[in-house]
Amino acid sequence: MDSKQLRITEIFHSLQGEAISAGLRTVFVRLTGCPLRCNYCDSEYAFFGGEKMSLKAIVEKVTSYDAEHVCVTGGEPLSQPNCLPLLSALCDEGFAVSLETSGAMPIDSVDSRVSRVMDLKTPDSGEAHRNRYENIELLNQHDQLKFVICSRADYEWARFKLEEYNLTQRVAEVLFSASHEELPHRDLADWIVADRLPVRFQMQLHKILWGDQPGF
């Protein structure tokens, strides 16, 4: 484990702001680097820089916060090959581990104990062409699928994908989020209710509490 290293932007302790574990105390491991450039990205500061850390040092830092939940995020965590052994090492330590991934990288080698939160990129993100739809076939009831929606057109696109891939039967939760400052949260909520969609509407709890500051 000591020989493997990753480039880390930050490791911090806060409340999970999204997905099924929203509101739970969580340690976030933010890996550096991302091959995507989504229009609404709120973590551009993680594209470059960072500090090299061994798996052992990362696990020790995570353990020091005495939290049950760990979220490995980015950037795009899977752009670093050693993300895979990190996920397994955290699972081996008994943490409840989630991975936030864009879906633009293969997820087939991710440890089965990890809850994969995969983002299917909408057209208005500017990166929909990067979606690896073959990843959808690998998702299961331990995983979650997220759409960040920027417009009514994005919403209709997401509705189509919901039906095309029978997503609500494939994963534990399908999450619809309004892109911060691009689409009013109320609009998205009203559309979901009007169309009786079987999805979970979510707002980013951390932005409500702490705004856009990194390492909230």
N, C-alpha and C. Protein backbone atom coordinates (compact mmCIF):
# COMPACT_ATOMS: atom_id res chain seq x y z
N MET A 1 0.83 -1.21 0.00
CA MET A 1 0.00 0.00 0.00
C MET A 1 0.86 1.26 0.00
N ASP A 2 2.05 1.22 0.64
CA ASP A 2 2.90 2.40 0.73
C ASP A 2 3.43 2.84 -0.63
N SER A 3 3.60 1.90 -1.57
CA SER A 3 4.21 2.23 -2.85
C SER A 3 3.25 2.95 -3.79
N LYS A 4 1.96 2.86 -3.51
CA LYS A 4 0.97 3.50 -4.38
C LYS A 4 0.67 4.90 -3.89
N GLN A 5 0.65 5.85 -4.82
CA GLN A 5 0.39 7.24 -4.46
C GLN A 5 -0.71 7.83 -5.33
N LEU A 6 -1.37 8.84 -4.79
CA LEU A 6 -2.36 9.60 -5.55
C LEU A 6 -2.10 11.07 -5.33
N ARG A 7 -2.55 11.88 -6.29
CA ARG A 7 -2.46 13.33 -6.13
C ARG A 7 -3.77 13.81 -5.53
N ILE A 8 -3.68 14.41 -4.35
CA ILE A 8 -4.85 14.79 -3.56
C ILE A 8 -4.98 16.31 -3.50
N THR A 9 -6.16 16.82 -3.82
CA THR A 9 -6.42 18.25 -3.68
C THR A 9 -6.73 18.60 -2.23
N GLU A 10 -7.55 17.78 -1.58
CA GLU A 10 -7.91 18.05 -0.18
C GLU A 10 -8.58 16.82 0.43
N ILE A 11 -8.43 16.73 1.74
CA ILE A 11 -9.18 15.76 2.54
C ILE A 11 -9.81 16.56 3.67
N PHE A 12 -11.12 16.48 3.79
CA PHE A 12 -11.78 17.28 4.82
C PHE A 12 -13.01 16.56 5.36
N HIS A 13 -13.48 17.06 6.47
CA HIS A 13 -14.57 16.44 7.24
C HIS A 13 -15.74 17.41 7.29
N SER A 14 -16.92 16.95 6.86
CA SER A 14 -18.09 17.83 6.82
C SER A 14 -19.35 16.98 6.83
N LEU A 15 -20.44 17.57 6.37
CA LEU A 15 -21.68 16.83 6.15
C LEU A 15 -21.83 16.54 4.67
N GLN A 16 -22.28 15.34 4.35
CA GLN A 16 -22.56 15.03 2.94
C GLN A 16 -23.70 15.92 2.46
N GLY A 17 -23.51 16.55 1.32
CA GLY A 17 -24.51 17.49 0.83
C GLY A 17 -25.46 16.93 -0.19
N GLU A 18 -25.20 15.71 -0.69
CA GLU A 18 -26.00 15.17 -1.78
C GLU A 18 -26.24 13.67 -1.60
N ALA A 19 -27.13 13.16 -2.45
CA ALA A 19 -27.38 11.72 -2.60
C ALA A 19 -28.03 11.13 -1.35
N ILE A 20 -28.03 9.80 -1.26
CA ILE A 20 -28.77 9.11 -0.21
C ILE A 20 -28.25 9.46 1.18
N SER A 21 -26.95 9.66 1.29
CA SER A 21 -26.37 9.92 2.62
C SER A 21 -26.29 11.40 2.96
N ALA A 22 -27.07 12.24 2.29
CA ALA A 22 -27.08 13.68 2.60
C ALA A 22 -27.36 13.91 4.08
N GLY A 23 -26.59 14.80 4.68
CA GLY A 23 -26.76 15.14 6.08
C GLY A 23 -25.91 14.33 7.03
N LEU A 24 -25.28 13.26 6.53
CA LEU A 24 -24.45 12.43 7.40
C LEU A 24 -23.01 12.94 7.43
N ARG A 25 -22.39 12.84 8.60
CA ARG A 25 -21.00 13.23 8.75
C ARG A 25 -20.13 12.35 7.86
N THR A 26 -19.29 13.00 7.04
CA THR A 26 -18.56 12.29 6.00
C THR A 26 -17.16 12.89 5.85
N VAL A 27 -16.19 12.03 5.55
CA VAL A 27 -14.86 12.50 5.18
C VAL A 27 -14.77 12.49 3.65
N PHE A 28 -14.36 13.60 3.08
CA PHE A 28 -14.24 13.74 1.63
C PHE A 28 -12.77 13.67 1.22
N VAL A 29 -12.49 12.81 0.26
CA VAL A 29 -11.16 12.71 -0.32
C VAL A 29 -11.28 13.20 -1.76
N ARG A 30 -10.78 14.41 -2.01
CA ARG A 30 -10.91 14.99 -3.34
C ARG A 30 -9.61 14.79 -4.12
N LEU A 31 -9.69 13.96 -5.15
CA LEU A 31 -8.54 13.70 -6.00
C LEU A 31 -8.38 14.79 -7.04
N THR A 32 -7.15 15.02 -7.44
CA THR A 32 -6.82 16.06 -8.42
C THR A 32 -6.95 15.52 -9.84
N GLY A 33 -7.45 16.37 -10.73
CA GLY A 33 -7.49 16.04 -12.15
C GLY A 33 -8.86 15.65 -12.65
N CYS A 34 -9.17 16.08 -13.89
CA CYS A 34 -10.43 15.72 -14.52
C CYS A 34 -10.31 15.94 -16.03
N PRO A 35 -10.70 14.96 -16.85
CA PRO A 35 -10.64 15.15 -18.30
C PRO A 35 -11.84 15.91 -18.86
N LEU A 36 -12.85 16.19 -18.02
CA LEU A 36 -14.05 16.88 -18.48
C LEU A 36 -13.99 18.36 -18.11
N ARG A 37 -14.79 19.15 -18.80
CA ARG A 37 -14.91 20.58 -18.49
C ARG A 37 -16.39 20.97 -18.56
N CYS A 38 -17.16 20.51 -17.60
CA CYS A 38 -18.59 20.79 -17.58
C CYS A 38 -18.83 22.28 -17.36
N ASN A 39 -19.85 22.81 -18.00
CA ASN A 39 -20.13 24.25 -17.93
C ASN A 39 -20.41 24.72 -16.51
N TYR A 40 -20.97 23.86 -15.68
CA TYR A 40 -21.39 24.26 -14.32
C TYR A 40 -20.41 23.80 -13.24
N CYS A 41 -19.24 23.34 -13.61
CA CYS A 41 -18.32 22.75 -12.64
C CYS A 41 -18.05 23.71 -11.48
N ASP A 42 -18.11 23.16 -10.26
CA ASP A 42 -17.82 23.97 -9.07
C ASP A 42 -16.53 23.51 -8.38
N SER A 43 -15.74 22.70 -9.07
CA SER A 43 -14.50 22.23 -8.45
C SER A 43 -13.31 22.37 -9.42
N GLU A 44 -13.29 23.48 -10.16
CA GLU A 44 -12.18 23.71 -11.09
C GLU A 44 -10.84 23.75 -10.36
N TYR A 45 -10.87 24.14 -9.10
CA TYR A 45 -9.62 24.22 -8.34
C TYR A 45 -8.96 22.85 -8.17
N ALA A 46 -9.69 21.78 -8.46
CA ALA A 46 -9.14 20.43 -8.34
C ALA A 46 -8.57 19.92 -9.67
N PHE A 47 -8.59 20.72 -10.71
CA PHE A 47 -8.08 20.27 -12.01
C PHE A 47 -6.56 20.07 -11.99
N PHE A 48 -5.86 20.91 -11.26
CA PHE A 48 -4.40 20.89 -11.28
C PHE A 48 -3.86 21.01 -9.86
N GLY A 49 -2.56 20.75 -9.73
CA GLY A 49 -1.90 20.92 -8.44
C GLY A 49 -2.07 19.70 -7.56
N GLY A 50 -2.42 19.95 -6.31
CA GLY A 50 -2.58 18.86 -5.37
C GLY A 50 -1.26 18.41 -4.78
N GLU A 51 -1.35 17.43 -3.87
CA GLU A 51 -0.19 16.90 -3.15
C GLU A 51 -0.18 15.39 -3.27
N LYS A 52 0.97 14.83 -3.57
CA LYS A 52 1.07 13.38 -3.64
C LYS A 52 1.04 12.78 -2.24
N MET A 53 0.20 11.77 -2.08
CA MET A 53 0.08 11.09 -0.79
C MET A 53 0.02 9.58 -1.04
N SER A 54 0.59 8.82 -0.13
CA SER A 54 0.50 7.36 -0.21
C SER A 54 -0.88 6.90 0.25
N LEU A 55 -1.24 5.69 -0.16
CA LEU A 55 -2.52 5.14 0.31
C LEU A 55 -2.56 5.09 1.83
N LYS A 56 -1.45 4.70 2.43
CA LYS A 56 -1.40 4.60 3.89
C LYS A 56 -1.67 5.96 4.54
N ALA A 57 -1.04 7.00 4.02
CA ALA A 57 -1.23 8.34 4.58
C ALA A 57 -2.67 8.81 4.41
N ILE A 58 -3.27 8.51 3.26
CA ILE A 58 -4.66 8.90 3.02
C ILE A 58 -5.58 8.20 4.00
N VAL A 59 -5.42 6.89 4.15
CA VAL A 59 -6.28 6.12 5.07
C VAL A 59 -6.10 6.61 6.50
N GLU A 60 -4.87 6.91 6.89
CA GLU A 60 -4.63 7.41 8.25
C GLU A 60 -5.32 8.75 8.47
N LYS A 61 -5.25 9.62 7.48
CA LYS A 61 -5.89 10.93 7.59
C LYS A 61 -7.41 10.78 7.69
N VAL A 62 -7.97 9.91 6.86
CA VAL A 62 -9.42 9.67 6.89
C VAL A 62 -9.83 9.12 8.25
N THR A 63 -9.08 8.17 8.76
CA THR A 63 -9.40 7.53 10.04
C THR A 63 -9.39 8.53 11.18
N SER A 64 -8.54 9.55 11.09
CA SER A 64 -8.39 10.51 12.19
C SER A 64 -9.67 11.30 12.47
N TYR A 65 -10.60 11.34 11.53
CA TYR A 65 -11.83 12.10 11.71
C TYR A 65 -12.93 11.30 12.40
N ASP A 66 -12.71 10.00 12.57
CA ASP A 66 -13.66 9.16 13.30
C ASP A 66 -15.08 9.26 12.73
N ALA A 67 -15.19 9.11 11.41
CA ALA A 67 -16.49 9.14 10.73
C ALA A 67 -16.70 7.81 10.02
N GLU A 68 -17.95 7.41 9.89
CA GLU A 68 -18.26 6.14 9.25
C GLU A 68 -18.22 6.23 7.74
N HIS A 69 -18.62 7.38 7.19
CA HIS A 69 -18.78 7.52 5.75
C HIS A 69 -17.60 8.25 5.12
N VAL A 70 -17.18 7.76 3.95
CA VAL A 70 -16.12 8.38 3.18
C VAL A 70 -16.60 8.54 1.74
N CYS A 71 -16.39 9.72 1.18
CA CYS A 71 -16.74 10.00 -0.21
C CYS A 71 -15.48 10.34 -0.98
N VAL A 72 -15.18 9.56 -2.01
CA VAL A 72 -14.04 9.83 -2.89
C VAL A 72 -14.58 10.57 -4.10
N THR A 73 -14.06 11.78 -4.31
CA THR A 73 -14.62 12.66 -5.33
C THR A 73 -13.49 13.35 -6.08
N GLY A 74 -13.83 14.34 -6.91
CA GLY A 74 -12.81 15.05 -7.69
C GLY A 74 -13.25 16.45 -8.00
N GLY A 75 -12.92 16.94 -9.20
CA GLY A 75 -12.39 16.26 -10.35
C GLY A 75 -13.10 14.95 -10.72
N GLU A 76 -12.38 14.15 -11.45
CA GLU A 76 -12.84 12.80 -11.78
C GLU A 76 -11.88 11.82 -11.13
N PRO A 77 -12.29 11.19 -10.02
CA PRO A 77 -11.37 10.32 -9.27
C PRO A 77 -10.79 9.19 -10.11
N LEU A 78 -11.58 8.61 -11.01
CA LEU A 78 -11.11 7.45 -11.76
C LEU A 78 -10.10 7.81 -12.84
N SER A 79 -9.81 9.10 -13.01
CA SER A 79 -8.74 9.48 -13.94
C SER A 79 -7.37 9.13 -13.37
N GLN A 80 -7.30 8.83 -12.08
CA GLN A 80 -6.07 8.35 -11.46
C GLN A 80 -6.21 6.85 -11.22
N PRO A 81 -5.39 6.02 -11.86
CA PRO A 81 -5.52 4.57 -11.72
C PRO A 81 -5.48 4.08 -10.28
N ASN A 82 -4.72 4.74 -9.42
CA ASN A 82 -4.62 4.29 -8.04
C ASN A 82 -5.84 4.63 -7.19
N CYS A 83 -6.84 5.24 -7.83
CA CYS A 83 -8.11 5.42 -7.15
C CYS A 83 -8.72 4.07 -6.80
N LEU A 84 -8.55 3.08 -7.66
CA LEU A 84 -9.16 1.76 -7.44
C LEU A 84 -8.61 1.09 -6.18
N PRO A 85 -7.29 1.00 -5.99
CA PRO A 85 -6.80 0.43 -4.73
C PRO A 85 -7.14 1.28 -3.51
N LEU A 86 -7.26 2.60 -3.70
CA LEU A 86 -7.68 3.44 -2.57
C LEU A 86 -9.09 3.07 -2.12
N LEU A 87 -9.99 2.91 -3.06
CA LEU A 87 -11.37 2.54 -2.72
C LEU A 87 -11.40 1.22 -1.96
N SER A 88 -10.65 0.25 -2.43
CA SER A 88 -10.61 -1.05 -1.76
C SER A 88 -10.00 -0.94 -0.37
N ALA A 89 -8.94 -0.14 -0.24
CA ALA A 89 -8.30 0.03 1.07
C ALA A 89 -9.25 0.65 2.08
N LEU A 90 -10.03 1.63 1.65
CA LEU A 90 -11.00 2.26 2.54
C LEU A 90 -12.10 1.27 2.94
N CYS A 91 -12.55 0.46 1.99
CA CYS A 91 -13.54 -0.57 2.31
C CYS A 91 -12.97 -1.58 3.30
N ASP A 92 -11.71 -1.95 3.10
CA ASP A 92 -11.06 -2.92 4.00
C ASP A 92 -11.01 -2.41 5.43
N GLU A 93 -10.95 -1.08 5.58
CA GLU A 93 -10.91 -0.47 6.92
C GLU A 93 -12.30 -0.37 7.55
N GLY A 94 -13.33 -0.78 6.81
CA GLY A 94 -14.68 -0.80 7.36
C GLY A 94 -15.51 0.44 7.11
N PHE A 95 -15.00 1.37 6.29
CA PHE A 95 -15.77 2.58 5.99
C PHE A 95 -16.89 2.28 5.00
N ALA A 96 -17.96 3.05 5.10
CA ALA A 96 -19.00 3.05 4.07
C ALA A 96 -18.54 4.02 3.00
N VAL A 97 -18.15 3.50 1.85
CA VAL A 97 -17.45 4.29 0.83
C VAL A 97 -18.36 4.57 -0.36
N SER A 98 -18.40 5.82 -0.77
CA SER A 98 -19.08 6.20 -2.01
C SER A 98 -18.07 6.84 -2.95
N LEU A 99 -18.34 6.70 -4.24
CA LEU A 99 -17.49 7.27 -5.28
C LEU A 99 -18.34 8.17 -6.16
N GLU A 100 -17.94 9.43 -6.32
CA GLU A 100 -18.62 10.33 -7.23
C GLU A 100 -17.84 10.36 -8.54
N THR A 101 -18.48 9.88 -9.60
CA THR A 101 -17.81 9.77 -10.88
C THR A 101 -18.67 10.35 -11.99
N SER A 102 -18.02 10.88 -13.00
CA SER A 102 -18.73 11.52 -14.11
C SER A 102 -19.41 10.51 -15.03
N GLY A 103 -18.99 9.25 -14.97
CA GLY A 103 -19.51 8.27 -15.91
C GLY A 103 -18.77 8.28 -17.22
N ALA A 104 -17.73 9.11 -17.33
CA ALA A 104 -16.93 9.16 -18.56
C ALA A 104 -15.77 8.18 -18.52
N MET A 105 -15.58 7.53 -17.37
CA MET A 105 -14.51 6.55 -17.19
C MET A 105 -15.13 5.18 -16.92
N PRO A 106 -14.44 4.10 -17.27
CA PRO A 106 -14.98 2.77 -16.98
C PRO A 106 -15.15 2.55 -15.47
N ILE A 107 -16.26 1.95 -15.08
CA ILE A 107 -16.51 1.70 -13.65
C ILE A 107 -16.49 0.21 -13.33
N ASP A 108 -16.15 -0.62 -14.28
CA ASP A 108 -16.25 -2.07 -14.09
C ASP A 108 -15.28 -2.62 -13.05
N SER A 109 -14.16 -1.91 -12.80
CA SER A 109 -13.16 -2.42 -11.85
C SER A 109 -13.31 -1.83 -10.45
N VAL A 110 -14.33 -1.02 -10.23
CA VAL A 110 -14.55 -0.43 -8.90
C VAL A 110 -15.00 -1.53 -7.94
N ASP A 111 -14.42 -1.54 -6.75
CA ASP A 111 -14.76 -2.53 -5.72
C ASP A 111 -16.28 -2.59 -5.53
N SER A 112 -16.82 -3.79 -5.49
CA SER A 112 -18.27 -3.96 -5.41
C SER A 112 -18.86 -3.45 -4.10
N ARG A 113 -18.01 -3.21 -3.10
CA ARG A 113 -18.50 -2.68 -1.82
C ARG A 113 -18.75 -1.18 -1.87
N VAL A 114 -18.28 -0.54 -2.91
CA VAL A 114 -18.40 0.91 -3.06
C VAL A 114 -19.75 1.27 -3.68
N SER A 115 -20.39 2.30 -3.14
CA SER A 115 -21.60 2.83 -3.76
C SER A 115 -21.19 3.87 -4.81
N ARG A 116 -21.44 3.53 -6.06
CA ARG A 116 -21.05 4.41 -7.16
C ARG A 116 -22.17 5.41 -7.42
N VAL A 117 -21.83 6.70 -7.32
CA VAL A 117 -22.78 7.77 -7.64
C VAL A 117 -22.35 8.33 -8.98
N MET A 118 -23.02 7.90 -10.03
CA MET A 118 -22.58 8.22 -11.38
C MET A 118 -23.42 9.35 -11.96
N ASP A 119 -22.74 10.32 -12.53
CA ASP A 119 -23.38 11.49 -13.13
C ASP A 119 -23.52 11.26 -14.62
N LEU A 120 -24.76 11.23 -15.12
CA LEU A 120 -24.97 11.14 -16.57
C LEU A 120 -25.07 12.57 -17.09
N LYS A 121 -24.12 12.96 -17.92
CA LYS A 121 -24.00 14.35 -18.34
C LYS A 121 -25.10 14.73 -19.34
N THR A 122 -25.77 15.83 -19.06
CA THR A 122 -26.85 16.33 -19.91
C THR A 122 -26.26 17.18 -21.05
N PRO A 123 -27.05 17.43 -22.10
CA PRO A 123 -26.53 18.24 -23.22
C PRO A 123 -26.00 19.61 -22.81
N ASP A 124 -26.69 20.29 -21.89
CA ASP A 124 -26.26 21.64 -21.52
C ASP A 124 -24.99 21.65 -20.67
N SER A 125 -24.56 20.49 -20.21
CA SER A 125 -23.28 20.43 -19.49
C SER A 125 -22.11 20.68 -20.44
N GLY A 126 -22.35 20.43 -21.73
CA GLY A 126 -21.29 20.54 -22.72
C GLY A 126 -20.45 19.29 -22.85
N GLU A 127 -20.78 18.26 -22.06
CA GLU A 127 -19.97 17.05 -22.06
C GLU A 127 -20.79 15.77 -22.24
N ALA A 128 -21.98 15.89 -22.79
CA ALA A 128 -22.84 14.70 -22.96
C ALA A 128 -22.20 13.68 -23.89
N HIS A 129 -21.36 14.15 -24.78
CA HIS A 129 -20.70 13.21 -25.70
C HIS A 129 -19.70 12.31 -25.00
N ARG A 130 -19.37 12.62 -23.74
CA ARG A 130 -18.41 11.81 -22.98
C ARG A 130 -19.07 10.67 -22.22
N ASN A 131 -20.40 10.64 -22.19
CA ASN A 131 -21.09 9.59 -21.44
C ASN A 131 -20.73 8.21 -21.99
N ARG A 132 -20.37 7.30 -21.09
CA ARG A 132 -20.12 5.90 -21.45
C ARG A 132 -21.38 5.12 -21.07
N TYR A 133 -22.28 4.96 -22.02
CA TYR A 133 -23.56 4.34 -21.71
C TYR A 133 -23.42 2.87 -21.32
N GLU A 134 -22.30 2.26 -21.68
CA GLU A 134 -22.08 0.88 -21.26
C GLU A 134 -21.94 0.77 -19.74
N ASN A 135 -21.58 1.88 -19.09
CA ASN A 135 -21.50 1.87 -17.62
C ASN A 135 -22.86 1.61 -16.98
N ILE A 136 -23.93 2.05 -17.64
CA ILE A 136 -25.26 1.89 -17.07
C ILE A 136 -25.57 0.41 -16.83
N GLU A 137 -25.12 -0.45 -17.73
CA GLU A 137 -25.37 -1.88 -17.58
C GLU A 137 -24.69 -2.46 -16.35
N LEU A 138 -23.70 -1.78 -15.81
CA LEU A 138 -22.95 -2.26 -14.66
C LEU A 138 -23.52 -1.79 -13.33
N LEU A 139 -24.43 -0.83 -13.36
CA LEU A 139 -25.00 -0.28 -12.13
C LEU A 139 -25.98 -1.27 -11.50
N ASN A 140 -26.12 -1.17 -10.17
CA ASN A 140 -27.03 -2.05 -9.46
C ASN A 140 -27.68 -1.31 -8.29
N GLN A 141 -28.38 -2.02 -7.45
CA GLN A 141 -29.14 -1.40 -6.37
C GLN A 141 -28.28 -0.85 -5.24
N HIS A 142 -26.98 -1.00 -5.36
CA HIS A 142 -26.05 -0.40 -4.40
C HIS A 142 -25.59 0.98 -4.89
N ASP A 143 -25.98 1.32 -6.12
CA ASP A 143 -25.48 2.53 -6.78
C ASP A 143 -26.57 3.59 -6.94
N GLN A 144 -26.14 4.78 -7.36
CA GLN A 144 -27.05 5.90 -7.60
C GLN A 144 -26.66 6.56 -8.93
N LEU A 145 -27.65 7.16 -9.57
CA LEU A 145 -27.40 7.84 -10.84
C LEU A 145 -27.92 9.27 -10.73
N LYS A 146 -27.10 10.23 -11.14
CA LYS A 146 -27.43 11.65 -10.95
C LYS A 146 -27.51 12.38 -12.29
N PHE A 147 -28.48 13.28 -12.39
CA PHE A 147 -28.58 14.21 -13.52
C PHE A 147 -28.49 15.62 -12.94
N VAL A 148 -27.57 16.42 -13.43
CA VAL A 148 -27.52 17.84 -13.11
C VAL A 148 -28.18 18.57 -14.27
N ILE A 149 -29.30 19.20 -14.00
CA ILE A 149 -30.18 19.72 -15.05
C ILE A 149 -30.09 21.24 -15.12
N CYS A 150 -29.83 21.74 -16.34
CA CYS A 150 -29.59 23.18 -16.53
C CYS A 150 -30.77 23.90 -17.15
N SER A 151 -31.72 23.18 -17.75
CA SER A 151 -32.79 23.81 -18.52
C SER A 151 -33.94 22.84 -18.69
N ARG A 152 -35.04 23.33 -19.25
CA ARG A 152 -36.16 22.46 -19.57
C ARG A 152 -35.74 21.40 -20.60
N ALA A 153 -34.91 21.78 -21.55
CA ALA A 153 -34.44 20.83 -22.56
C ALA A 153 -33.65 19.70 -21.90
N ASP A 154 -32.80 20.05 -20.94
CA ASP A 154 -32.06 19.02 -20.19
C ASP A 154 -33.02 18.10 -19.45
N TYR A 155 -34.05 18.68 -18.85
CA TYR A 155 -35.03 17.89 -18.10
C TYR A 155 -35.72 16.88 -19.02
N GLU A 156 -36.14 17.32 -20.20
CA GLU A 156 -36.81 16.41 -21.13
C GLU A 156 -35.85 15.31 -21.59
N TRP A 157 -34.59 15.66 -21.79
CA TRP A 157 -33.58 14.68 -22.16
C TRP A 157 -33.41 13.65 -21.05
N ALA A 158 -33.36 14.12 -19.79
CA ALA A 158 -33.21 13.21 -18.66
C ALA A 158 -34.43 12.30 -18.51
N ARG A 159 -35.62 12.85 -18.75
CA ARG A 159 -36.83 12.02 -18.71
C ARG A 159 -36.75 10.90 -19.73
N PHE A 160 -36.26 11.22 -20.92
CA PHE A 160 -36.13 10.20 -21.97
C PHE A 160 -35.15 9.11 -21.55
N LYS A 161 -34.00 9.51 -20.98
CA LYS A 161 -33.01 8.53 -20.55
C LYS A 161 -33.55 7.67 -19.41
N LEU A 162 -34.36 8.27 -18.56
CA LEU A 162 -34.97 7.54 -17.45
C LEU A 162 -35.76 6.34 -17.97
N GLU A 163 -36.53 6.57 -19.04
CA GLU A 163 -37.35 5.51 -19.63
C GLU A 163 -36.53 4.60 -20.53
N GLU A 164 -35.64 5.19 -21.30
CA GLU A 164 -34.86 4.41 -22.27
C GLU A 164 -34.08 3.29 -21.58
N TYR A 165 -33.50 3.60 -20.41
CA TYR A 165 -32.66 2.63 -19.71
C TYR A 165 -33.32 2.05 -18.46
N ASN A 166 -34.60 2.35 -18.25
CA ASN A 166 -35.33 1.83 -17.09
C ASN A 166 -34.52 2.08 -15.81
N LEU A 167 -34.09 3.31 -15.65
CA LEU A 167 -33.10 3.63 -14.62
C LEU A 167 -33.60 3.44 -13.19
N THR A 168 -34.87 3.73 -12.94
CA THR A 168 -35.35 3.63 -11.57
C THR A 168 -35.40 2.20 -11.07
N GLN A 169 -35.41 1.24 -11.98
CA GLN A 169 -35.37 -0.17 -11.60
C GLN A 169 -33.94 -0.69 -11.50
N ARG A 170 -33.00 0.06 -12.00
CA ARG A 170 -31.61 -0.41 -12.09
C ARG A 170 -30.78 -0.02 -10.88
N VAL A 171 -31.06 1.16 -10.30
CA VAL A 171 -30.23 1.68 -9.22
C VAL A 171 -31.07 1.97 -7.98
N ALA A 172 -30.37 2.22 -6.86
CA ALA A 172 -31.07 2.52 -5.61
C ALA A 172 -31.84 3.83 -5.70
N GLU A 173 -31.24 4.84 -6.30
CA GLU A 173 -31.88 6.14 -6.45
C GLU A 173 -31.47 6.79 -7.77
N VAL A 174 -32.42 7.48 -8.40
CA VAL A 174 -32.11 8.40 -9.49
C VAL A 174 -32.29 9.80 -8.93
N LEU A 175 -31.26 10.61 -9.05
CA LEU A 175 -31.21 11.93 -8.42
C LEU A 175 -31.30 13.01 -9.49
N PHE A 176 -32.22 13.95 -9.31
CA PHE A 176 -32.32 15.11 -10.20
C PHE A 176 -31.92 16.36 -9.41
N SER A 177 -30.94 17.08 -9.90
CA SER A 177 -30.48 18.32 -9.28
C SER A 177 -30.55 19.46 -10.29
N ALA A 178 -30.91 20.63 -9.82
CA ALA A 178 -30.86 21.82 -10.66
C ALA A 178 -29.46 22.41 -10.63
N SER A 179 -28.92 22.73 -11.79
CA SER A 179 -27.61 23.35 -11.83
C SER A 179 -27.65 24.68 -11.08
N HIS A 180 -26.74 24.83 -10.14
CA HIS A 180 -26.72 25.99 -9.27
C HIS A 180 -26.62 27.27 -10.09
N GLU A 181 -27.57 28.20 -9.89
CA GLU A 181 -27.62 29.51 -10.53
C GLU A 181 -27.99 29.45 -12.02
N GLU A 182 -28.29 28.27 -12.56
CA GLU A 182 -28.73 28.18 -13.95
C GLU A 182 -30.21 27.85 -14.07
N LEU A 183 -30.74 27.07 -13.14
CA LEU A 183 -32.14 26.67 -13.17
C LEU A 183 -32.71 26.81 -11.77
N PRO A 184 -33.80 27.55 -11.60
CA PRO A 184 -34.41 27.68 -10.26
C PRO A 184 -34.81 26.31 -9.72
N HIS A 185 -34.47 26.06 -8.47
CA HIS A 185 -34.80 24.77 -7.85
C HIS A 185 -36.31 24.52 -7.89
N ARG A 186 -37.08 25.57 -7.69
CA ARG A 186 -38.54 25.43 -7.67
C ARG A 186 -39.06 24.93 -9.02
N ASP A 187 -38.47 25.40 -10.10
CA ASP A 187 -38.91 24.96 -11.43
C ASP A 187 -38.73 23.45 -11.58
N LEU A 188 -37.56 22.97 -11.22
CA LEU A 188 -37.30 21.54 -11.35
C LEU A 188 -38.23 20.74 -10.45
N ALA A 189 -38.42 21.20 -9.24
CA ALA A 189 -39.32 20.51 -8.31
C ALA A 189 -40.74 20.44 -8.88
N ASP A 190 -41.21 21.55 -9.44
CA ASP A 190 -42.56 21.59 -10.01
C ASP A 190 -42.69 20.63 -11.19
N TRP A 191 -41.67 20.56 -12.03
CA TRP A 191 -41.73 19.64 -13.18
C TRP A 191 -41.80 18.19 -12.72
N ILE A 192 -41.00 17.85 -11.74
CA ILE A 192 -40.99 16.47 -11.23
C ILE A 192 -42.35 16.09 -10.66
N VAL A 193 -42.94 17.01 -9.90
CA VAL A 193 -44.26 16.73 -9.31
C VAL A 193 -45.32 16.63 -10.40
N ALA A 194 -45.30 17.57 -11.35
CA ALA A 194 -46.31 17.57 -12.41
C ALA A 194 -46.25 16.29 -13.26
N ASP A 195 -45.04 15.81 -13.49
CA ASP A 195 -44.88 14.61 -14.33
C ASP A 195 -44.84 13.32 -13.52
N ARG A 196 -44.95 13.45 -12.21
CA ARG A 196 -44.98 12.29 -11.31
C ARG A 196 -43.78 11.37 -11.54
N LEU A 197 -42.63 11.97 -11.65
CA LEU A 197 -41.43 11.18 -11.91
C LEU A 197 -40.98 10.44 -10.64
N PRO A 198 -40.56 9.19 -10.76
CA PRO A 198 -40.10 8.41 -9.61
C PRO A 198 -38.63 8.64 -9.31
N VAL A 199 -38.27 9.92 -9.10
CA VAL A 199 -36.88 10.29 -8.85
C VAL A 199 -36.81 11.07 -7.53
N ARG A 200 -35.59 11.20 -7.03
CA ARG A 200 -35.36 12.01 -5.83
C ARG A 200 -34.86 13.39 -6.24
N PHE A 201 -35.65 14.43 -5.94
CA PHE A 201 -35.19 15.80 -6.13
C PHE A 201 -34.19 16.11 -5.03
N GLN A 202 -33.09 16.75 -5.39
CA GLN A 202 -32.13 17.11 -4.36
C GLN A 202 -31.57 18.50 -4.58
N MET A 203 -31.26 19.14 -3.46
CA MET A 203 -30.53 20.40 -3.46
C MET A 203 -29.20 20.15 -2.76
N GLN A 204 -28.20 20.94 -3.09
CA GLN A 204 -26.89 20.75 -2.51
C GLN A 204 -26.85 21.39 -1.11
N LEU A 205 -27.00 20.54 -0.12
CA LEU A 205 -27.07 21.00 1.27
C LEU A 205 -25.86 21.83 1.65
N HIS A 206 -24.69 21.43 1.17
CA HIS A 206 -23.47 22.14 1.56
C HIS A 206 -23.46 23.58 1.03
N LYS A 207 -24.09 23.81 -0.14
CA LYS A 207 -24.13 25.17 -0.67
C LYS A 207 -25.13 26.03 0.09
N ILE A 208 -26.18 25.42 0.59
CA ILE A 208 -27.14 26.16 1.41
C ILE A 208 -26.47 26.59 2.71
N LEU A 209 -25.64 25.71 3.28
CA LEU A 209 -25.01 25.98 4.57
C LEU A 209 -23.76 26.85 4.44
N TRP A 210 -22.92 26.54 3.44
CA TRP A 210 -21.59 27.16 3.39
C TRP A 210 -21.29 27.90 2.09
N GLY A 211 -22.21 27.94 1.17
CA GLY A 211 -21.96 28.63 -0.09
C GLY A 211 -21.01 27.85 -0.97
N ASP A 212 -20.22 28.55 -1.78
CA ASP A 212 -19.35 27.91 -2.79
C ASP A 212 -17.93 27.71 -2.31
N GLN A 213 -17.66 27.95 -1.04
CA GLN A 213 -16.27 27.86 -0.61
C GLN A 213 -15.78 26.41 -0.68
N PRO A 214 -14.56 26.20 -1.19
CA PRO A 214 -13.99 24.86 -1.26
C PRO A 214 -13.80 24.29 0.14
N GLY A 215 -13.84 22.96 0.23
CA GLY A 215 -13.61 22.32 1.52
C GLY A 215 -14.63 22.75 2.54
N PHE A 216 -15.91 22.78 2.14
CA PHE A 216 -16.98 23.30 2.99
C PHE A 216 -17.01 22.62 4.34
